[in-house]
């Protein structure tokens, strides 16, 4: 078994008497604004709707020692943690004293990044007056990375696309044309992917410029003092939140639908609280599987710590110190810590379910904090790829459409909202403009939100028609067919996922690839979130309002809520 203390305490990060709280708040907010400006740059200069519409990316600012001190406030929050691992591995490959101004490195090694090949991480140093000031980093999900298409049915990482080890994309300002030539020769959508990669470079340059201006205006030669205070305060805030939980070990289990071959996926967790420290142990979880549902350890860490941050200390900005009091362990060779070269393409189908597993464990002691399972955890995805037109140009489209969020302790779940990944639903018009697809229907699904004192957010029904001139590949990532999104503390489960092609629900894998033809219609029910609390305790006026709005049927109001 491997155990990693998430960012073990650093004795150098001692409190500073020179930065008062008000000044620190101003400086920290400025650093977050720098990360946000980098994110805006990436979003506005990228080519793919995956980035420009759905925000499947993140930007992070690090100090010179590699501590994450600010991240953008849109995009994928878990990437804050995985990018720190990537930077540490980059520095193991190329020590800090070997980096020069103008260097930019990239990698998509799943075991040191965010868990699968489509996510490419770009890292660059920031120099000021010849001295290393800090680092910038970004992750973006690429529209294509070659190989077998983004799919859940692969049997090893070798099938899943181009594996880019840590390497220089730009060396002292000179673009690595050899790498770009190899990429262009292997990609279905070379213009879009290389364009997004260059957008990441531009985002890093924006952040670097603003960091230098920040240092000039504040008169600091190093970010270390500010970083030390940020990490100390974020750690203190999280430790205070953990210490409010009674000491003890809290356990839960969670079952998923499994692989397309019928391999079971079972999650077990033991959360141990001792004082202001927390240990999360996944012993008992399923071994790694033969299909691409395996979750690399950095992704397991990220989707353990971020959901905990949400319920324990949601108001303090995330930084390196936020996770120092949490130790995460998962048996090596398990589905949450697979050995290379295990297939990992669809790691989100399992990783996103860690949140509800943790919340079930902690519900008895913090019932006023946890939420029910989200229909968007994991997010149901349908990837479509094939000929764009008669010229033979290829397209790959990923409609980012979400199920409902789980109900909350004081409010209904948000409909068609993604948690815990925070991915946004992209514009259907943008999707239709960039791929030969037509969205024929997109509407809320009545009764899909799990009943409860607070109702789960609704899922939706979407119908997609293929307009391509020839056959295409459809790659599905579908969960919550047999195991619907669970309610919590007496709440009912949300609605199930369902996929049909031309009205038929069989003859194709729900976690794998199949062929579709021009004119085929794919109809998808995105599941609703689970409910919170006993439905009998729901406010009667709230039930009537749901019926009036068409969110709950009259029959469900009578049979489930007793109206």
Foldseek 3Di string as FASTA:
>chain_A
DDWDQQQADDPVLDADPPADPVNLVVLLVLLQVLQQVLLVLLLVQADDCLCVFWQQKKKFWWFAVLWTRYIYPAHFVLQSQLVSQLVVVLCVVPPPVRADPFWKKKFQALQRGQHARQKMKIKHFADDPNHTATMMMMIHGALWQAAPGLFWFDQWNVRRHDGGDIDTCTHNNRGPVVVLVVRCVRTLCSVNRVSSVVSSVVSRVSSSVSVNVSCVVVVDPYCSNSSSNSLVVLLVQQLVLLQVFDFDKFKFKDWWCDDLVRDTWIWIWIWGGDHSAIEIEGPPTAFADRTAQAAAQSLLLSLQQVLSCQQRPNPRGDISNNRSRYMYDYDERHSNHDDPGGHHSNNQLPSLVVNQRVCQRCCVGCVQRHFFFFLVRPHKWKWKKFAQAPVGRIGIAIQRWAAWHTQHNVAETAGRAHPDRNTRGGDPVVRVVRGQKDWPDWAWDAQQWWAALHTWHTWIKIKMAGAYPWKIKIHIDAIFAPPAGDGPAAIHGGHGKFKDKPPDRDDDGNRGMDIDTHGIMIMITRGTHTYYHQNCNHDLVVLVVCCVVRNYPPVCCCPRNVD
